[in-house]
Full PDB file with SEQRES, HELIX, SHEET, SSBOND, CRYST1, ORIGX, SCALE, CONECT and MASTER records, all heavy atoms in Angstrom:
SEQRES   1 A   39  LEU TYR VAL ILE THR THR PHE ASP ASN ARG THR ILE GLU          
SEQRES   2 A   39  CYS THR GLY ASN HIS PRO ILE LEU THR ASP LYS GLY TYR          
SEQRES   3 A   39  LEU ARG ALA ASP GLU ILE SER LYS GLN ASN ASN ILE ILE          
HELIX    1 AA1 ALA A   29  GLU A   31  5                                   3    
SHEET    1 AA1 2 TYR A   2  THR A   5  0                                        
SHEET    2 AA1 2 THR A  11  CYS A  14 -1                                        
SHEET    1 AA2 2 PRO A  19  THR A  22  0                                        
SHEET    2 AA2 2 GLY A  25  ARG A  28 -1                                        
CRYST1    1.000    1.000    1.000  90.00  90.00  90.00 P 1           1          
ORIGX1      1.000000  0.000000  0.000000        0.00000                         
ORIGX2      0.000000  1.000000  0.000000        0.00000                         
ORIGX3      0.000000  0.000000  1.000000        0.00000                         
SCALE1      1.000000  0.000000  0.000000        0.00000                         
SCALE2      0.000000  1.000000  0.000000        0.00000                         
SCALE3      0.000000  0.000000  1.000000        0.00000                         
ATOM      1  N   LEU A   1       0.824  -1.171  -0.008  1.00  0.00           N  
ATOM      2  CA  LEU A   1      -0.025  -0.028   0.012  1.00  0.00           C  
ATOM      3  C   LEU A   1       0.875   1.212   0.018  1.00  0.00           C  
ATOM      4  O   LEU A   1       1.984   1.212   0.522  1.00  0.00           O  
ATOM      5  CB  LEU A   1      -0.974   0.070   1.223  1.00  0.00           C  
ATOM      6  CG  LEU A   1      -1.985  -1.046   1.378  1.00  0.00           C  
ATOM      7  CD1 LEU A   1      -2.670  -0.881   2.734  1.00  0.00           C  
ATOM      8  CD2 LEU A   1      -3.043  -0.882   0.216  1.00  0.00           C  
ATOM      9  N   TYR A   2       0.361   2.309  -0.555  1.00  0.00           N  
ATOM     10  CA  TYR A   2       1.021   3.659  -0.386  1.00  0.00           C  
ATOM     11  C   TYR A   2       0.320   4.365   0.770  1.00  0.00           C  
ATOM     12  O   TYR A   2      -0.892   4.316   0.903  1.00  0.00           O  
ATOM     13  CB  TYR A   2       0.861   4.431  -1.723  1.00  0.00           C  
ATOM     14  CG  TYR A   2       1.859   4.089  -2.736  1.00  0.00           C  
ATOM     15  CD1 TYR A   2       1.778   2.897  -3.394  1.00  0.00           C  
ATOM     16  CD2 TYR A   2       2.925   4.950  -3.020  1.00  0.00           C  
ATOM     17  CE1 TYR A   2       2.762   2.518  -4.366  1.00  0.00           C  
ATOM     18  CE2 TYR A   2       3.891   4.591  -3.932  1.00  0.00           C  
ATOM     19  CZ  TYR A   2       3.820   3.404  -4.596  1.00  0.00           C  
ATOM     20  OH  TYR A   2       4.806   3.040  -5.507  1.00  0.00           O  
ATOM     21  N   VAL A   3       1.132   4.946   1.591  1.00  0.00           N  
ATOM     22  CA  VAL A   3       0.596   5.696   2.745  1.00  0.00           C  
ATOM     23  C   VAL A   3       1.144   7.144   2.606  1.00  0.00           C  
ATOM     24  O   VAL A   3       2.301   7.453   2.605  1.00  0.00           O  
ATOM     25  CB  VAL A   3       1.126   5.143   4.017  1.00  0.00           C  
ATOM     26  CG1 VAL A   3       0.517   5.863   5.262  1.00  0.00           C  
ATOM     27  CG2 VAL A   3       0.839   3.601   4.108  1.00  0.00           C  
ATOM     28  N   ILE A   4       0.168   8.074   2.489  1.00  0.00           N  
ATOM     29  CA  ILE A   4       0.425   9.537   2.234  1.00  0.00           C  
ATOM     30  C   ILE A   4      -0.141  10.270   3.443  1.00  0.00           C  
ATOM     31  O   ILE A   4      -1.341  10.123   3.763  1.00  0.00           O  
ATOM     32  CB  ILE A   4      -0.148   9.984   0.890  1.00  0.00           C  
ATOM     33  CG1 ILE A   4       0.428   9.213  -0.199  1.00  0.00           C  
ATOM     34  CG2 ILE A   4       0.147  11.483   0.762  1.00  0.00           C  
ATOM     35  CD1 ILE A   4      -0.147   9.542  -1.608  1.00  0.00           C  
ATOM     36  N   THR A   5       0.671  11.019   4.063  1.00  0.00           N  
ATOM     37  CA  THR A   5       0.261  11.871   5.224  1.00  0.00           C  
ATOM     38  C   THR A   5       0.506  13.331   4.972  1.00  0.00           C  
ATOM     39  O   THR A   5       1.615  13.710   4.505  1.00  0.00           O  
ATOM     40  CB  THR A   5       1.030  11.413   6.499  1.00  0.00           C  
ATOM     41  OG1 THR A   5       0.809   9.991   6.684  1.00  0.00           O  
ATOM     42  CG2 THR A   5       0.592  12.128   7.744  1.00  0.00           C  
ATOM     43  N   THR A   6      -0.474  14.175   5.302  1.00  0.00           N  
ATOM     44  CA  THR A   6      -0.327  15.591   5.182  1.00  0.00           C  
ATOM     45  C   THR A   6       0.227  16.198   6.510  1.00  0.00           C  
ATOM     46  O   THR A   6       0.228  15.571   7.530  1.00  0.00           O  
ATOM     47  CB  THR A   6      -1.678  16.262   4.880  1.00  0.00           C  
ATOM     48  OG1 THR A   6      -2.600  16.052   5.999  1.00  0.00           O  
ATOM     49  CG2 THR A   6      -2.262  15.705   3.621  1.00  0.00           C  
ATOM     50  N   PHE A   7       0.595  17.498   6.455  1.00  0.00           N  
ATOM     51  CA  PHE A   7       1.147  18.140   7.631  1.00  0.00           C  
ATOM     52  C   PHE A   7       0.059  18.312   8.736  1.00  0.00           C  
ATOM     53  O   PHE A   7       0.431  18.512   9.923  1.00  0.00           O  
ATOM     54  CB  PHE A   7       1.737  19.472   7.255  1.00  0.00           C  
ATOM     55  CG  PHE A   7       3.130  19.391   6.849  1.00  0.00           C  
ATOM     56  CD1 PHE A   7       3.513  19.359   5.486  1.00  0.00           C  
ATOM     57  CD2 PHE A   7       4.174  19.333   7.758  1.00  0.00           C  
ATOM     58  CE1 PHE A   7       4.810  19.273   5.086  1.00  0.00           C  
ATOM     59  CE2 PHE A   7       5.517  19.231   7.365  1.00  0.00           C  
ATOM     60  CZ  PHE A   7       5.835  19.210   6.044  1.00  0.00           C  
ATOM     61  N   ASP A   8      -1.181  18.284   8.410  1.00  0.00           N  
ATOM     62  CA  ASP A   8      -2.214  18.342   9.455  1.00  0.00           C  
ATOM     63  C   ASP A   8      -2.689  16.972   9.828  1.00  0.00           C  
ATOM     64  O   ASP A   8      -3.813  16.774  10.392  1.00  0.00           O  
ATOM     65  CB  ASP A   8      -3.362  19.237   9.036  1.00  0.00           C  
ATOM     66  CG  ASP A   8      -4.166  18.672   7.890  1.00  0.00           C  
ATOM     67  OD1 ASP A   8      -3.682  17.778   7.191  1.00  0.00           O  
ATOM     68  OD2 ASP A   8      -5.324  19.091   7.676  1.00  0.00           O  
ATOM     69  N   ASN A   9      -1.876  15.936   9.536  1.00  0.00           N  
ATOM     70  CA  ASN A   9      -2.059  14.512   9.973  1.00  0.00           C  
ATOM     71  C   ASN A   9      -3.272  13.837   9.376  1.00  0.00           C  
ATOM     72  O   ASN A   9      -3.904  12.913   9.969  1.00  0.00           O  
ATOM     73  CB  ASN A   9      -2.216  14.481  11.520  1.00  0.00           C  
ATOM     74  CG  ASN A   9      -0.890  14.842  12.214  1.00  0.00           C  
ATOM     75  OD1 ASN A   9       0.194  14.445  11.773  1.00  0.00           O  
ATOM     76  ND2 ASN A   9      -0.986  15.631  13.280  1.00  0.00           N  
ATOM     77  N   ARG A  10      -3.658  14.171   8.135  1.00  0.00           N  
ATOM     78  CA  ARG A  10      -4.625  13.407   7.433  1.00  0.00           C  
ATOM     79  C   ARG A  10      -3.779  12.279   6.690  1.00  0.00           C  
ATOM     80  O   ARG A  10      -2.776  12.597   6.084  1.00  0.00           O  
ATOM     81  CB  ARG A  10      -5.356  14.222   6.366  1.00  0.00           C  
ATOM     82  CG  ARG A  10      -6.068  15.358   7.006  1.00  0.00           C  
ATOM     83  CD  ARG A  10      -6.642  16.226   5.859  1.00  0.00           C  
ATOM     84  NE  ARG A  10      -7.041  17.555   6.271  1.00  0.00           N  
ATOM     85  CZ  ARG A  10      -8.342  17.999   6.371  1.00  0.00           C  
ATOM     86  NH1 ARG A  10      -9.280  17.208   5.950  1.00  0.00           N  
ATOM     87  NH2 ARG A  10      -8.606  19.216   6.750  1.00  0.00           N  
ATOM     88  N   THR A  11      -4.255  11.028   6.694  1.00  0.00           N  
ATOM     89  CA  THR A  11      -3.555   9.942   6.078  1.00  0.00           C  
ATOM     90  C   THR A  11      -4.488   9.152   5.210  1.00  0.00           C  
ATOM     91  O   THR A  11      -5.650   8.925   5.539  1.00  0.00           O  
ATOM     92  CB  THR A  11      -2.939   9.031   7.216  1.00  0.00           C  
ATOM     93  OG1 THR A  11      -1.976   9.763   7.969  1.00  0.00           O  
ATOM     94  CG2 THR A  11      -2.237   7.838   6.524  1.00  0.00           C  
ATOM     95  N   ILE A  12      -3.963   8.782   4.058  1.00  0.00           N  
ATOM     96  CA  ILE A  12      -4.655   7.770   3.178  1.00  0.00           C  
ATOM     97  C   ILE A  12      -3.741   6.670   2.954  1.00  0.00           C  
ATOM     98  O   ILE A  12      -2.571   6.847   2.675  1.00  0.00           O  
ATOM     99  CB  ILE A  12      -5.134   8.487   1.902  1.00  0.00           C  
ATOM    100  CG1 ILE A  12      -5.768   7.471   0.967  1.00  0.00           C  
ATOM    101  CG2 ILE A  12      -3.970   9.179   1.154  1.00  0.00           C  
ATOM    102  CD1 ILE A  12      -6.484   8.052  -0.253  1.00  0.00           C  
ATOM    103  N   GLU A  13      -4.302   5.482   2.974  1.00  0.00           N  
ATOM    104  CA  GLU A  13      -3.659   4.227   2.576  1.00  0.00           C  
ATOM    105  C   GLU A  13      -4.413   3.692   1.398  1.00  0.00           C  
ATOM    106  O   GLU A  13      -5.651   3.497   1.452  1.00  0.00           O  
ATOM    107  CB  GLU A  13      -3.645   3.220   3.707  1.00  0.00           C  
ATOM    108  CG  GLU A  13      -2.831   3.663   4.932  1.00  0.00           C  
ATOM    109  CD  GLU A  13      -2.640   2.513   6.011  1.00  0.00           C  
ATOM    110  OE1 GLU A  13      -3.115   1.392   5.700  1.00  0.00           O  
ATOM    111  OE2 GLU A  13      -2.034   2.781   7.027  1.00  0.00           O  
ATOM    112  N   CYS A  14      -3.708   3.414   0.318  1.00  0.00           N  
ATOM    113  CA  CYS A  14      -4.429   2.934  -0.883  1.00  0.00           C  
ATOM    114  C   CYS A  14      -3.416   2.223  -1.831  1.00  0.00           C  
ATOM    115  O   CYS A  14      -2.196   2.285  -1.584  1.00  0.00           O  
ATOM    116  CB  CYS A  14      -5.028   4.114  -1.612  1.00  0.00           C  
ATOM    117  SG  CYS A  14      -3.865   5.375  -2.155  1.00  0.00           S  
ATOM    118  N   THR A  15      -3.962   1.635  -2.817  1.00  0.00           N  
ATOM    119  CA  THR A  15      -3.048   1.030  -3.855  1.00  0.00           C  
ATOM    120  C   THR A  15      -2.380   2.111  -4.651  1.00  0.00           C  
ATOM    121  O   THR A  15      -2.865   3.215  -4.704  1.00  0.00           O  
ATOM    122  CB  THR A  15      -3.904   0.068  -4.774  1.00  0.00           C  
ATOM    123  OG1 THR A  15      -4.986   0.849  -5.313  1.00  0.00           O  
ATOM    124  CG2 THR A  15      -4.382  -1.115  -4.018  1.00  0.00           C  
ATOM    125  N   GLY A  16      -1.276   1.784  -5.290  1.00  0.00           N  
ATOM    126  CA  GLY A  16      -0.465   2.794  -5.927  1.00  0.00           C  
ATOM    127  C   GLY A  16      -1.181   3.473  -7.085  1.00  0.00           C  
ATOM    128  O   GLY A  16      -0.838   4.600  -7.397  1.00  0.00           O  
ATOM    129  N   ASN A  17      -2.137   2.847  -7.694  1.00  0.00           N  
ATOM    130  CA  ASN A  17      -2.740   3.471  -8.824  1.00  0.00           C  
ATOM    131  C   ASN A  17      -4.106   4.133  -8.502  1.00  0.00           C  
ATOM    132  O   ASN A  17      -4.854   4.498  -9.427  1.00  0.00           O  
ATOM    133  CB  ASN A  17      -3.004   2.478  -9.986  1.00  0.00           C  
ATOM    134  CG  ASN A  17      -3.830   1.260  -9.578  1.00  0.00           C  
ATOM    135  OD1 ASN A  17      -4.155   1.128  -8.359  1.00  0.00           O  
ATOM    136  ND2 ASN A  17      -4.198   0.397 -10.468  1.00  0.00           N  
ATOM    137  N   HIS A  18      -4.365   4.317  -7.217  1.00  0.00           N  
ATOM    138  CA  HIS A  18      -5.677   5.009  -6.898  1.00  0.00           C  
ATOM    139  C   HIS A  18      -5.505   6.546  -7.033  1.00  0.00           C  
ATOM    140  O   HIS A  18      -4.644   7.112  -6.411  1.00  0.00           O  
ATOM    141  CB  HIS A  18      -6.065   4.674  -5.495  1.00  0.00           C  
ATOM    142  CG  HIS A  18      -7.548   4.886  -5.313  1.00  0.00           C  
ATOM    143  ND1 HIS A  18      -8.423   3.800  -4.933  1.00  0.00           N  
ATOM    144  CD2 HIS A  18      -8.298   5.917  -5.454  1.00  0.00           C  
ATOM    145  CE1 HIS A  18      -9.638   4.271  -4.922  1.00  0.00           C  
ATOM    146  NE2 HIS A  18      -9.631   5.597  -5.223  1.00  0.00           N  
ATOM    147  N   PRO A  19      -6.316   7.205  -7.871  1.00  0.00           N  
ATOM    148  CA  PRO A  19      -6.165   8.621  -8.078  1.00  0.00           C  
ATOM    149  C   PRO A  19      -6.712   9.404  -6.882  1.00  0.00           C  
ATOM    150  O   PRO A  19      -7.767   9.136  -6.379  1.00  0.00           O  
ATOM    151  CB  PRO A  19      -7.024   8.870  -9.307  1.00  0.00           C  
ATOM    152  CG  PRO A  19      -7.187   7.557  -9.949  1.00  0.00           C  
ATOM    153  CD  PRO A  19      -7.214   6.545  -8.900  1.00  0.00           C  
ATOM    154  N   ILE A  20      -5.902  10.396  -6.457  1.00  0.00           N  
ATOM    155  CA  ILE A  20      -6.242  11.266  -5.364  1.00  0.00           C  
ATOM    156  C   ILE A  20      -6.253  12.710  -5.850  1.00  0.00           C  
ATOM    157  O   ILE A  20      -5.418  13.085  -6.726  1.00  0.00           O  
ATOM    158  CB  ILE A  20      -5.195  11.161  -4.240  1.00  0.00           C  
ATOM    159  CG1 ILE A  20      -5.105   9.741  -3.709  1.00  0.00           C  
ATOM    160  CG2 ILE A  20      -5.438  12.112  -3.105  1.00  0.00           C  
ATOM    161  CD1 ILE A  20      -3.919   9.425  -2.841  1.00  0.00           C  
ATOM    162  N   LEU A  21      -7.200  13.481  -5.437  1.00  0.00           N  
ATOM    163  CA  LEU A  21      -7.329  14.853  -5.975  1.00  0.00           C  
ATOM    164  C   LEU A  21      -6.307  15.746  -5.377  1.00  0.00           C  
ATOM    165  O   LEU A  21      -6.105  15.837  -4.180  1.00  0.00           O  
ATOM    166  CB  LEU A  21      -8.680  15.460  -5.676  1.00  0.00           C  
ATOM    167  CG  LEU A  21      -9.007  16.794  -6.307  1.00  0.00           C  
ATOM    168  CD1 LEU A  21      -8.983  16.724  -7.850  1.00  0.00           C  
ATOM    169  CD2 LEU A  21     -10.381  17.318  -5.899  1.00  0.00           C  
ATOM    170  N   THR A  22      -5.477  16.394  -6.260  1.00  0.00           N  
ATOM    171  CA  THR A  22      -4.393  17.282  -5.835  1.00  0.00           C  
ATOM    172  C   THR A  22      -4.617  18.637  -6.501  1.00  0.00           C  
ATOM    173  O   THR A  22      -5.507  18.808  -7.323  1.00  0.00           O  
ATOM    174  CB  THR A  22      -2.989  16.752  -6.248  1.00  0.00           C  
ATOM    175  OG1 THR A  22      -2.845  16.902  -7.667  1.00  0.00           O  
ATOM    176  CG2 THR A  22      -2.844  15.266  -5.964  1.00  0.00           C  
ATOM    177  N   ASP A  23      -3.682  19.568  -6.207  1.00  0.00           N  
ATOM    178  CA  ASP A  23      -3.807  20.856  -6.879  1.00  0.00           C  
ATOM    179  C   ASP A  23      -3.376  20.811  -8.327  1.00  0.00           C  
ATOM    180  O   ASP A  23      -3.552  21.761  -9.099  1.00  0.00           O  
ATOM    181  CB  ASP A  23      -2.954  21.930  -6.139  1.00  0.00           C  
ATOM    182  CG  ASP A  23      -1.478  21.526  -6.051  1.00  0.00           C  
ATOM    183  OD1 ASP A  23      -1.153  20.316  -6.268  1.00  0.00           O  
ATOM    184  OD2 ASP A  23      -0.680  22.373  -5.679  1.00  0.00           O  
ATOM    185  N   LYS A  24      -2.910  19.650  -8.774  1.00  0.00           N  
ATOM    186  CA  LYS A  24      -2.638  19.396 -10.217  1.00  0.00           C  
ATOM    187  C   LYS A  24      -3.686  18.456 -10.866  1.00  0.00           C  
ATOM    188  O   LYS A  24      -3.423  17.970 -11.915  1.00  0.00           O  
ATOM    189  CB  LYS A  24      -1.257  18.783 -10.309  1.00  0.00           C  
ATOM    190  CG  LYS A  24      -0.118  19.641  -9.763  1.00  0.00           C  
ATOM    191  CD  LYS A  24      -0.004  20.985 -10.444  1.00  0.00           C  
ATOM    192  CE  LYS A  24       1.176  21.825  -9.964  1.00  0.00           C  
ATOM    193  NZ  LYS A  24       1.264  23.147 -10.532  1.00  0.00           N  
ATOM    194  N   GLY A  25      -4.818  18.348 -10.176  1.00  0.00           N  
ATOM    195  CA  GLY A  25      -5.825  17.345 -10.664  1.00  0.00           C  
ATOM    196  C   GLY A  25      -5.659  16.035 -10.057  1.00  0.00           C  
ATOM    197  O   GLY A  25      -4.887  15.858  -9.054  1.00  0.00           O  
ATOM    198  N   TYR A  26      -6.299  15.046 -10.566  1.00  0.00           N  
ATOM    199  CA  TYR A  26      -6.129  13.717 -10.041  1.00  0.00           C  
ATOM    200  C   TYR A  26      -4.776  13.115 -10.420  1.00  0.00           C  
ATOM    201  O   TYR A  26      -4.370  13.115 -11.578  1.00  0.00           O  
ATOM    202  CB  TYR A  26      -7.219  12.724 -10.636  1.00  0.00           C  
ATOM    203  CG  TYR A  26      -8.568  12.891  -9.966  1.00  0.00           C  
ATOM    204  CD1 TYR A  26      -9.646  13.519 -10.699  1.00  0.00           C  
ATOM    205  CD2 TYR A  26      -8.821  12.516  -8.691  1.00  0.00           C  
ATOM    206  CE1 TYR A  26     -10.872  13.683 -10.168  1.00  0.00           C  
ATOM    207  CE2 TYR A  26     -10.105  12.694  -8.138  1.00  0.00           C  
ATOM    208  CZ  TYR A  26     -11.110  13.257  -8.896  1.00  0.00           C  
ATOM    209  OH  TYR A  26     -12.351  13.442  -8.348  1.00  0.00           O  
ATOM    210  N   LEU A  27      -4.043  12.592  -9.382  1.00  0.00           N  
ATOM    211  CA  LEU A  27      -2.770  11.869  -9.585  1.00  0.00           C  
ATOM    212  C   LEU A  27      -2.862  10.538  -8.886  1.00  0.00           C  
ATOM    213  O   LEU A  27      -3.421  10.418  -7.800  1.00  0.00           O  
ATOM    214  CB  LEU A  27      -1.603  12.696  -9.019  1.00  0.00           C  
ATOM    215  CG  LEU A  27      -1.257  14.047  -9.720  1.00  0.00           C  
ATOM    216  CD1 LEU A  27      -0.178  14.657  -8.923  1.00  0.00           C  
ATOM    217  CD2 LEU A  27      -0.896  13.800 -11.163  1.00  0.00           C  
ATOM    218  N   ARG A  28      -2.276   9.539  -9.574  1.00  0.00           N  
ATOM    219  CA  ARG A  28      -2.142   8.221  -8.834  1.00  0.00           C  
ATOM    220  C   ARG A  28      -1.311   8.394  -7.616  1.00  0.00           C  
ATOM    221  O   ARG A  28      -0.391   9.290  -7.560  1.00  0.00           O  
ATOM    222  CB  ARG A  28      -1.500   7.286  -9.810  1.00  0.00           C  
ATOM    223  CG  ARG A  28      -2.290   6.871 -10.958  1.00  0.00           C  
ATOM    224  CD  ARG A  28      -1.505   6.103 -12.026  1.00  0.00           C  
ATOM    225  NE  ARG A  28      -0.598   5.131 -11.560  1.00  0.00           N  
ATOM    226  CZ  ARG A  28      -0.621   3.799 -11.807  1.00  0.00           C  
ATOM    227  NH1 ARG A  28      -1.469   3.344 -12.594  1.00  0.00           N  
ATOM    228  NH2 ARG A  28       0.300   2.976 -11.266  1.00  0.00           N  
ATOM    229  N   ALA A  29      -1.621   7.597  -6.641  1.00  0.00           N  
ATOM    230  CA  ALA A  29      -0.796   7.623  -5.375  1.00  0.00           C  
ATOM    231  C   ALA A  29       0.675   7.447  -5.647  1.00  0.00           C  
ATOM    232  O   ALA A  29       1.514   8.127  -5.013  1.00  0.00           O  
ATOM    233  CB  ALA A  29      -1.288   6.618  -4.381  1.00  0.00           C  
ATOM    234  N   ASP A  30       1.046   6.605  -6.605  1.00  0.00           N  
ATOM    235  CA  ASP A  30       2.426   6.328  -6.830  1.00  0.00           C  
ATOM    236  C   ASP A  30       3.073   7.440  -7.712  1.00  0.00           C  
ATOM    237  O   ASP A  30       4.261   7.359  -8.057  1.00  0.00           O  
ATOM    238  CB  ASP A  30       2.674   4.953  -7.432  1.00  0.00           C  
ATOM    239  CG  ASP A  30       1.902   4.678  -8.746  1.00  0.00           C  
ATOM    240  OD1 ASP A  30       1.326   5.670  -9.268  1.00  0.00           O  
ATOM    241  OD2 ASP A  30       1.854   3.516  -9.152  1.00  0.00           O  
ATOM    242  N   GLU A  31       2.255   8.412  -8.197  1.00  0.00           N  
ATOM    243  CA  GLU A  31       2.820   9.591  -8.914  1.00  0.00           C  
ATOM    244  C   GLU A  31       2.960  10.781  -8.091  1.00  0.00           C  
ATOM    245  O   GLU A  31       3.553  11.771  -8.504  1.00  0.00           O  
ATOM    246  CB  GLU A  31       1.892   9.871 -10.121  1.00  0.00           C  
ATOM    247  CG  GLU A  31       1.832   8.794 -11.172  1.00  0.00           C  
ATOM    248  CD  GLU A  31       0.814   9.079 -12.245  1.00  0.00           C  
ATOM    249  OE1 GLU A  31      -0.114   9.881 -12.006  1.00  0.00           O  
ATOM    250  OE2 GLU A  31       0.926   8.449 -13.346  1.00  0.00           O  
ATOM    251  N   ILE A  32       2.394  10.736  -6.871  1.00  0.00           N  
ATOM    252  CA  ILE A  32       2.408  11.937  -5.974  1.00  0.00           C  
ATOM    253  C   ILE A  32       3.793  12.051  -5.270  1.00  0.00           C  
ATOM    254  O   ILE A  32       4.328  11.069  -4.779  1.00  0.00           O  
ATOM    255  CB  ILE A  32       1.251  11.794  -4.960  1.00  0.00           C  
ATOM    256  CG1 ILE A  32      -0.107  11.962  -5.694  1.00  0.00           C  
ATOM    257  CG2 ILE A  32       1.345  12.923  -3.892  1.00  0.00           C  
ATOM    258  CD1 ILE A  32      -1.301  11.790  -4.823  1.00  0.00           C  
ATOM    259  N   SER A  33       4.275  13.318  -5.203  1.00  0.00           N  
ATOM    260  CA  SER A  33       5.514  13.595  -4.436  1.00  0.00           C  
ATOM    261  C   SER A  33       5.209  14.658  -3.430  1.00  0.00           C  
ATOM    262  O   SER A  33       4.108  15.254  -3.372  1.00  0.00           O  
ATOM    263  CB  SER A  33       6.544  14.051  -5.452  1.00  0.00           C  
ATOM    264  OG  SER A  33       6.294  15.332  -5.877  1.00  0.00           O  
ATOM    265  N   LYS A  34       6.196  14.994  -2.648  1.00  0.00           N  
ATOM    266  CA  LYS A  34       6.029  16.047  -1.657  1.00  0.00           C  
ATOM    267  C   LYS A  34       5.902  17.419  -2.265  1.00  0.00           C  
ATOM    268  O   LYS A  34       5.598  18.370  -1.583  1.00  0.00           O  
ATOM    269  CB  LYS A  34       7.217  15.995  -0.662  1.00  0.00           C  
ATOM    270  CG  LYS A  34       7.225  14.800   0.255  1.00  0.00           C  
ATOM    271  CD  LYS A  34       8.388  14.833   1.236  1.00  0.00           C  
ATOM    272  CE  LYS A  34       8.409  13.631   2.188  1.00  0.00           C  
ATOM    273  NZ  LYS A  34       9.501  13.652   3.166  1.00  0.00           N  
ATOM    274  N   GLN A  35       6.163  17.514  -3.518  1.00  0.00           N  
ATOM    275  CA  GLN A  35       5.957  18.778  -4.248  1.00  0.00           C  
ATOM    276  C   GLN A  35       4.523  19.023  -4.581  1.00  0.00           C  
ATOM    277  O   GLN A  35       4.113  20.134  -4.915  1.00  0.00           O  
ATOM    278  CB  GLN A  35       6.840  18.863  -5.493  1.00  0.00           C  
ATOM    279  CG  GLN A  35       8.277  19.190  -5.276  1.00  0.00           C  
ATOM    280  CD  GLN A  35       9.010  18.049  -4.544  1.00  0.00           C  
ATOM    281  OE1 GLN A  35       8.927  16.866  -4.917  1.00  0.00           O  
ATOM    282  NE2 GLN A  35       9.715  18.382  -3.488  1.00  0.00           N  
ATOM    283  N   ASN A  36       3.718  18.035  -4.489  1.00  0.00           N  
ATOM    284  CA  ASN A  36       2.278  18.115  -4.711  1.00  0.00           C  
ATOM    285  C   ASN A  36       1.549  18.483  -3.455  1.00  0.00           C  
ATOM    286  O   ASN A  36       2.043  18.357  -2.379  1.00  0.00           O  
ATOM    287  CB  ASN A  36       1.720  16.804  -5.259  1.00  0.00           C  
ATOM    288  CG  ASN A  36       2.303  16.381  -6.595  1.00  0.00           C  
ATOM    289  OD1 ASN A  36       2.887  15.291  -6.680  1.00  0.00           O  
ATOM    290  ND2 ASN A  36       2.238  17.275  -7.587  1.00  0.00           N  
ATOM    291  N   ASN A  37       0.355  19.009  -3.631  1.00  0.00           N  
ATOM    292  CA  ASN A  37      -0.511  19.326  -2.482  1.00  0.00           C  
ATOM    293  C   ASN A  37      -1.832  18.581  -2.689  1.00  0.00           C  
ATOM    294  O   ASN A  37      -2.383  18.459  -3.792  1.00  0.00           O  
ATOM    295  CB  ASN A  37      -0.807  20.778  -2.416  1.00  0.00           C  
ATOM    296  CG  ASN A  37       0.428  21.603  -2.141  1.00  0.00           C  
ATOM    297  OD1 ASN A  37       1.188  21.348  -1.244  1.00  0.00           O  
ATOM    298  ND2 ASN A  37       0.711  22.624  -3.015  1.00  0.00           N  
ATOM    299  N   ILE A  38      -2.425  18.035  -1.596  1.00  0.00           N  
ATOM    300  CA  ILE A  38      -3.685  17.283  -1.698  1.00  0.00           C  
ATOM    301  C   ILE A  38      -4.857  18.284  -1.385  1.00  0.00           C  
ATOM    302  O   ILE A  38      -4.734  19.114  -0.488  1.00  0.00           O  
ATOM    303  CB  ILE A  38      -3.664  16.145  -0.729  1.00  0.00           C  
ATOM    304  CG1 ILE A  38      -2.690  15.054  -1.164  1.00  0.00           C  
ATOM    305  CG2 ILE A  38      -5.026  15.536  -0.535  1.00  0.00           C  
ATOM    306  CD1 ILE A  38      -2.562  13.887  -0.267  1.00  0.00           C  
ATOM    307  N   ILE A  39      -5.920  18.093  -2.162  1.00  0.00           N  
ATOM    308  CA  ILE A  39      -7.164  18.869  -1.863  1.00  0.00           C  
ATOM    309  C   ILE A  39      -7.976  18.107  -0.878  1.00  0.00           C  
ATOM    310  O   ILE A  39      -8.328  16.906  -1.061  1.00  0.00           O  
ATOM    311  CB  ILE A  39      -7.982  19.109  -3.108  1.00  0.00           C  
ATOM    312  CG1 ILE A  39      -7.128  19.750  -4.225  1.00  0.00           C  
ATOM    313  CG2 ILE A  39      -9.187  19.973  -2.890  1.00  0.00           C  
ATOM    314  CD1 ILE A  39      -6.574  21.103  -3.890  1.00  0.00           C  
TER     315      ILE A  39                                                      
MASTER        0    0    0    1    4    0    0    6  314    1    0    3          
END                                                                             
């Protein structure tokens, strides 16, 4: 699983290809980096 945590302690665990809404649109979890921001 990919585990992504924000600075305000929101966490998502999901498969690598699950799209998450970011400020760049939907990105797969395995494409997201710390340079991205989650909506």
